[in-house]
Amino acid sequence: MKEISFRTDVLPLKDELFRLALRITLNRADAEDVVQETMLKVWNRRETWDTLESIEAFCLTICRNIALDKLKRADNHSATLEEDGMDRADRSYDSNPEEQTVQRDRVTMVRKLIDQLPEKQRTCMQLRDMEGKPYKEIAKVMGITEQQVKVNIFRARQSIKEKFQQIEQYGL
């Protein structure tokens, strides 16, 4: 097994942990708290690092569990993602302000639809589509089978697609 270093192996994961925490808590401040608490827990369990297969999966699992605990305590189901620094709209429409606005509205709508997904679907989709994690690692982080991961991702995508098409066809 490889020697694990907090500085080179764990600290670089902070952005990934933040995105996962943000996707679960839907609140920037809470996500920052979750990442800090995750880092502390990982550090305090450093004596077990040499037995780990993947420090990344270990950190993501701790982060997910802390975020879910925070969510349960705060009962924060109605919040939405903050827009600060999150605008990643397609820039191919830069020359046309109308198209730019339509594109930005669509991205916002998809974010809101993702926020409305059940937690398991939302987390699976976050880890797969936004973080690019393999199914095996997602299954390990979430404590479910690879097949359940695939089913959750499929259902999340279908749900978003159906709701998006309804809104596009008929409006809000």
C-alpha atoms as a PDB file:
ATOM      1  CA  MET A   1       0.000   0.000   0.000  1.00  0.00           C
ATOM      2  CA  LYS A   2       1.042   3.526  -0.745  1.00  0.00           C
ATOM      3  CA  GLU A   3       2.014   5.858   2.095  1.00  0.00           C
ATOM      4  CA  ILE A   4      -0.827   8.385   2.484  1.00  0.00           C
ATOM      5  CA  SER A   5       0.004  11.993   3.231  1.00  0.00           C
ATOM      6  CA  PHE A   6      -2.575  14.475   4.462  1.00  0.00           C
ATOM      7  CA  ARG A   7      -0.977  17.296   2.491  1.00  0.00           C
ATOM      8  CA  THR A   8      -0.660  15.513  -0.848  1.00  0.00           C
ATOM      9  CA  ASP A   9      -3.515  12.993  -0.748  1.00  0.00           C
ATOM     10  CA  VAL A  10      -6.281  14.462   1.435  1.00  0.00           C
ATOM     11  CA  LEU A  11      -6.056  18.254   1.125  1.00  0.00           C
ATOM     12  CA  PRO A  12      -6.370  18.235  -2.689  1.00  0.00           C
ATOM     13  CA  LEU A  13      -9.791  16.588  -2.238  1.00  0.00           C
ATOM     14  CA  LYS A  14     -11.262  19.630  -0.488  1.00  0.00           C
ATOM     15  CA  ASP A  15     -12.881  21.078  -3.632  1.00  0.00           C
ATOM     16  CA  GLU A  16     -14.427  17.746  -4.536  1.00  0.00           C
ATOM     17  CA  LEU A  17     -15.677  17.323  -0.965  1.00  0.00           C
ATOM     18  CA  PHE A  18     -17.099  20.847  -1.061  1.00  0.00           C
ATOM     19  CA  ARG A  19     -19.038  20.138  -4.270  1.00  0.00           C
ATOM     20  CA  LEU A  20     -20.476  16.966  -2.778  1.00  0.00           C
ATOM     21  CA  ALA A  21     -21.403  18.708   0.478  1.00  0.00           C
ATOM     22  CA  LEU A  22     -22.941  21.621  -1.434  1.00  0.00           C
ATOM     23  CA  ARG A  23     -25.000  19.261  -3.561  1.00  0.00           C
ATOM     24  CA  ILE A  24     -26.381  17.613  -0.405  1.00  0.00           C
ATOM     25  CA  THR A  25     -26.815  20.596   1.926  1.00  0.00           C
ATOM     26  CA  LEU A  26     -27.680  23.158  -0.770  1.00  0.00           C
ATOM     27  CA  ASN A  27     -26.021  25.818   1.373  1.00  0.00           C
ATOM     28  CA  ARG A  28     -22.515  27.219   0.917  1.00  0.00           C
ATOM     29  CA  ALA A  29     -21.812  27.886   4.592  1.00  0.00           C
ATOM     30  CA  ASP A  30     -23.057  24.444   5.629  1.00  0.00           C
ATOM     31  CA  ALA A  31     -20.966  22.826   2.885  1.00  0.00           C
ATOM     32  CA  GLU A  32     -17.855  24.624   4.135  1.00  0.00           C
ATOM     33  CA  ASP A  33     -18.581  23.414   7.672  1.00  0.00           C
ATOM     34  CA  VAL A  34     -19.055  19.857   6.400  1.00  0.00           C
ATOM     35  CA  VAL A  35     -15.710  19.932   4.572  1.00  0.00           C
ATOM     36  CA  GLN A  36     -13.927  21.260   7.648  1.00  0.00           C
ATOM     37  CA  GLU A  37     -15.512  18.605   9.845  1.00  0.00           C
ATOM     38  CA  THR A  38     -14.638  15.945   7.256  1.00  0.00           C
ATOM     39  CA  MET A  39     -10.997  16.998   7.228  1.00  0.00           C
ATOM     40  CA  LEU A  40     -10.892  16.828  11.017  1.00  0.00           C
ATOM     41  CA  LYS A  41     -12.443  13.360  11.099  1.00  0.00           C
ATOM     42  CA  VAL A  42     -10.097  12.094   8.403  1.00  0.00           C
ATOM     43  CA  TRP A  43      -7.112  13.506  10.294  1.00  0.00           C
ATOM     44  CA  ASN A  44      -8.267  11.986  13.575  1.00  0.00           C
ATOM     45  CA  ARG A  45      -8.525   8.571  11.899  1.00  0.00           C
ATOM     46  CA  ARG A  46      -5.048   8.749  10.352  1.00  0.00           C
ATOM     47  CA  GLU A  47      -3.922   5.579  12.112  1.00  0.00           C
ATOM     48  CA  THR A  48      -6.319   3.595   9.876  1.00  0.00           C
ATOM     49  CA  TRP A  49      -5.113   5.103   6.578  1.00  0.00           C
ATOM     50  CA  ASP A  50      -2.728   2.253   5.831  1.00  0.00           C
ATOM     51  CA  THR A  51      -5.651  -0.201   5.763  1.00  0.00           C
ATOM     52  CA  LEU A  52      -7.673   1.854   3.249  1.00  0.00           C
ATOM     53  CA  GLU A  53      -8.090   0.839  -0.347  1.00  0.00           C
ATOM     54  CA  SER A  54      -8.961   4.410  -1.421  1.00  0.00           C
ATOM     55  CA  ILE A  55      -8.448   7.525   0.684  1.00  0.00           C
ATOM     56  CA  GLU A  56     -10.708   9.404  -1.736  1.00  0.00           C
ATOM     57  CA  ALA A  57     -13.636   7.027  -1.216  1.00  0.00           C
ATOM     58  CA  PHE A  58     -12.998   7.173   2.545  1.00  0.00           C
ATOM     59  CA  CYS A  59     -13.124  10.999   2.526  1.00  0.00           C
ATOM     60  CA  LEU A  60     -16.201  11.125   0.273  1.00  0.00           C
ATOM     61  CA  THR A  61     -18.044   8.665   2.518  1.00  0.00           C
ATOM     62  CA  ILE A  62     -17.287  10.690   5.639  1.00  0.00           C
ATOM     63  CA  CYS A  63     -18.273  13.914   3.864  1.00  0.00           C
ATOM     64  CA  ARG A  64     -21.558  12.439   2.646  1.00  0.00           C
ATOM     65  CA  ASN A  65     -22.446  11.118   6.095  1.00  0.00           C
ATOM     66  CA  ILE A  66     -21.647  14.417   7.815  1.00  0.00           C
ATOM     67  CA  ALA A  67     -23.642  16.354   5.209  1.00  0.00           C
ATOM     68  CA  LEU A  68     -26.641  14.058   5.624  1.00  0.00           C
ATOM     69  CA  ASP A  69     -26.449  14.398   9.406  1.00  0.00           C
ATOM     70  CA  LYS A  70     -26.300  18.184   9.095  1.00  0.00           C
ATOM     71  CA  LEU A  71     -29.240  18.125   6.709  1.00  0.00           C
ATOM     72  CA  LYS A  72     -31.304  16.044   9.107  1.00  0.00           C
ATOM     73  CA  ARG A  73     -30.466  18.320  12.019  1.00  0.00           C
ATOM     74  CA  ALA A  74     -31.240  21.492  10.135  1.00  0.00           C
ATOM     75  CA  ASP A  75     -34.214  20.062   8.221  1.00  0.00           C
ATOM     76  CA  ASN A  76     -32.983  22.123   5.296  1.00  0.00           C
ATOM     77  CA  HIS A  77     -34.951  20.577   2.409  1.00  0.00           C
ATOM     78  CA  SER A  78     -36.267  23.758   0.834  1.00  0.00           C
ATOM     79  CA  ALA A  79     -33.039  25.636   0.098  1.00  0.00           C
ATOM     80  CA  THR A  80     -31.565  25.977  -3.390  1.00  0.00           C
ATOM     81  CA  LEU A  81     -28.030  26.250  -4.674  1.00  0.00           C
ATOM     82  CA  GLU A  82     -26.559  29.694  -4.400  1.00  0.00           C
ATOM     83  CA  GLU A  83     -25.628  31.227  -7.708  1.00  0.00           C
ATOM     84  CA  ASP A  84     -22.292  32.700  -6.547  1.00  0.00           C
ATOM     85  CA  GLY A  85     -19.646  31.416  -8.881  1.00  0.00           C
ATOM     86  CA  MET A  86     -21.913  28.653 -10.114  1.00  0.00           C
ATOM     87  CA  ASP A  87     -22.909  30.180 -13.479  1.00  0.00           C
ATOM     88  CA  ARG A  88     -21.454  27.833 -16.047  1.00  0.00           C
ATOM     89  CA  ALA A  89     -23.835  28.629 -18.907  1.00  0.00           C
ATOM     90  CA  ASP A  90     -22.813  27.794 -22.457  1.00  0.00           C
ATOM     91  CA  ARG A  91     -20.811  30.776 -23.725  1.00  0.00           C
ATOM     92  CA  SER A  92     -21.483  30.038 -27.417  1.00  0.00           C
ATOM     93  CA  TYR A  93     -24.393  32.480 -27.229  1.00  0.00           C
ATOM     94  CA  ASP A  94     -22.336  35.442 -26.005  1.00  0.00           C
ATOM     95  CA  SER A  95     -23.164  37.579 -29.033  1.00  0.00           C
ATOM     96  CA  ASN A  96     -26.922  37.293 -28.540  1.00  0.00           C
ATOM     97  CA  PRO A  97     -28.246  38.575 -25.192  1.00  0.00           C
ATOM     98  CA  GLU A  98     -31.627  36.894 -25.677  1.00  0.00           C
ATOM     99  CA  GLU A  99     -30.060  33.477 -26.262  1.00  0.00           C
ATOM    100  CA  GLN A 100     -27.714  34.093 -23.351  1.00  0.00           C
ATOM    101  CA  THR A 101     -30.663  34.748 -21.054  1.00  0.00           C
ATOM    102  CA  VAL A 102     -32.566  31.702 -22.311  1.00  0.00           C
ATOM    103  CA  GLN A 103     -29.487  29.515 -21.760  1.00  0.00           C
ATOM    104  CA  ARG A 104     -28.938  30.906 -18.245  1.00  0.00           C
ATOM    105  CA  ASP A 105     -32.613  30.285 -17.401  1.00  0.00           C
ATOM    106  CA  ARG A 106     -32.351  26.690 -18.615  1.00  0.00           C
ATOM    107  CA  VAL A 107     -29.266  26.043 -16.492  1.00  0.00           C
ATOM    108  CA  THR A 108     -31.039  27.532 -13.458  1.00  0.00           C
ATOM    109  CA  MET A 109     -34.102  25.393 -14.178  1.00  0.00           C
ATOM    110  CA  VAL A 110     -32.016  22.203 -14.400  1.00  0.00           C
ATOM    111  CA  ARG A 111     -30.277  23.077 -11.117  1.00  0.00           C
ATOM    112  CA  LYS A 112     -33.646  23.496  -9.436  1.00  0.00           C
ATOM    113  CA  LEU A 113     -34.828  20.167 -10.855  1.00  0.00           C
ATOM    114  CA  ILE A 114     -31.675  18.473  -9.556  1.00  0.00           C
ATOM    115  CA  ASP A 115     -32.256  20.060  -6.135  1.00  0.00           C
ATOM    116  CA  GLN A 116     -35.731  18.487  -6.046  1.00  0.00           C
ATOM    117  CA  LEU A 117     -34.434  14.940  -6.605  1.00  0.00           C
ATOM    118  CA  PRO A 118     -34.381  12.481  -3.702  1.00  0.00           C
ATOM    119  CA  GLU A 119     -31.036  12.575  -1.854  1.00  0.00           C
ATOM    120  CA  LYS A 120     -29.739   9.238  -3.155  1.00  0.00           C
ATOM    121  CA  GLN A 121     -30.461  10.120  -6.773  1.00  0.00           C
ATOM    122  CA  ARG A 122     -29.015  13.602  -6.367  1.00  0.00           C
ATOM    123  CA  THR A 123     -25.807  12.309  -4.766  1.00  0.00           C
ATOM    124  CA  CYS A 124     -25.332   9.496  -7.308  1.00  0.00           C
ATOM    125  CA  MET A 125     -25.820  11.952 -10.147  1.00  0.00           C
ATOM    126  CA  GLN A 126     -23.425  14.459  -8.555  1.00  0.00           C
ATOM    127  CA  LEU A 127     -20.683  11.884  -8.124  1.00  0.00           C
ATOM    128  CA  ARG A 128     -21.100  10.373 -11.590  1.00  0.00           C
ATOM    129  CA  ASP A 129     -21.997  13.276 -13.875  1.00  0.00           C
ATOM    130  CA  MET A 130     -20.265  16.155 -12.143  1.00  0.00           C
ATOM    131  CA  GLU A 131     -17.338  14.464 -10.411  1.00  0.00           C
ATOM    132  CA  GLY A 132     -16.808  11.705 -12.987  1.00  0.00           C
ATOM    133  CA  LYS A 133     -16.537   8.912 -10.424  1.00  0.00           C
ATOM    134  CA  PRO A 134     -16.828   5.275 -11.538  1.00  0.00           C
ATOM    135  CA  TYR A 135     -19.883   3.288 -10.460  1.00  0.00           C
ATOM    136  CA  LYS A 136     -17.790   1.065  -8.191  1.00  0.00           C
ATOM    137  CA  GLU A 137     -16.481   4.022  -6.188  1.00  0.00           C
ATOM    138  CA  ILE A 138     -19.933   5.628  -5.965  1.00  0.00           C
ATOM    139  CA  ALA A 139     -21.329   2.335  -4.659  1.00  0.00           C
ATOM    140  CA  LYS A 140     -18.611   2.206  -2.014  1.00  0.00           C
ATOM    141  CA  VAL A 141     -19.169   5.833  -0.954  1.00  0.00           C
ATOM    142  CA  MET A 142     -22.951   5.427  -0.752  1.00  0.00           C
ATOM    143  CA  GLY A 143     -22.960   1.945   0.752  1.00  0.00           C
ATOM    144  CA  ILE A 144     -25.124   0.474  -2.033  1.00  0.00           C
ATOM    145  CA  THR A 145     -24.521  -1.895  -4.960  1.00  0.00           C
ATOM    146  CA  GLU A 146     -23.258  -0.778  -8.360  1.00  0.00           C
ATOM    147  CA  GLN A 147     -26.621  -1.790  -9.836  1.00  0.00           C
ATOM    148  CA  GLN A 148     -28.443   0.459  -7.367  1.00  0.00           C
ATOM    149  CA  VAL A 149     -26.115   3.314  -8.355  1.00  0.00           C
ATOM    150  CA  LYS A 150     -26.983   2.802 -12.028  1.00  0.00           C
ATOM    151  CA  VAL A 151     -30.697   2.651 -11.258  1.00  0.00           C
ATOM    152  CA  ASN A 152     -30.542   5.844  -9.170  1.00  0.00           C
ATOM    153  CA  ILE A 153     -28.662   7.697 -11.913  1.00  0.00           C
ATOM    154  CA  PHE A 154     -31.064   6.461 -14.591  1.00  0.00           C
ATOM    155  CA  ARG A 155     -34.100   7.513 -12.563  1.00  0.00           C
ATOM    156  CA  ALA A 156     -32.579  10.910 -11.763  1.00  0.00           C
ATOM    157  CA  ARG A 157     -31.824  11.618 -15.418  1.00  0.00           C
ATOM    158  CA  GLN A 158     -35.267  10.435 -16.522  1.00  0.00           C
ATOM    159  CA  SER A 159     -36.980  12.572 -13.912  1.00  0.00           C
ATOM    160  CA  ILE A 160     -35.036  15.673 -14.863  1.00  0.00           C
ATOM    161  CA  LYS A 161     -35.596  15.052 -18.573  1.00  0.00           C
ATOM    162  CA  GLU A 162     -39.361  14.596 -18.151  1.00  0.00           C
ATOM    163  CA  LYS A 163     -39.802  17.632 -15.913  1.00  0.00           C
ATOM    164  CA  PHE A 164     -37.583  19.775 -18.151  1.00  0.00           C
ATOM    165  CA  GLN A 165     -39.578  18.795 -21.237  1.00  0.00           C
ATOM    166  CA  GLN A 166     -42.860  19.549 -19.463  1.00  0.00           C
ATOM    167  CA  ILE A 167     -41.647  22.981 -18.459  1.00  0.00           C
ATOM    168  CA  GLU A 168     -40.202  23.706 -21.919  1.00  0.00           C
ATOM    169  CA  GLN A 169     -43.466  22.660 -23.602  1.00  0.00           C
ATOM    170  CA  TYR A 170     -45.986  24.176 -21.260  1.00  0.00           C
ATOM    171  CA  GLY A 171     -44.091  26.639 -19.138  1.00  0.00           C
ATOM    172  CA  LEU A 172     -44.059  26.764 -15.357  1.00  0.00           C
END
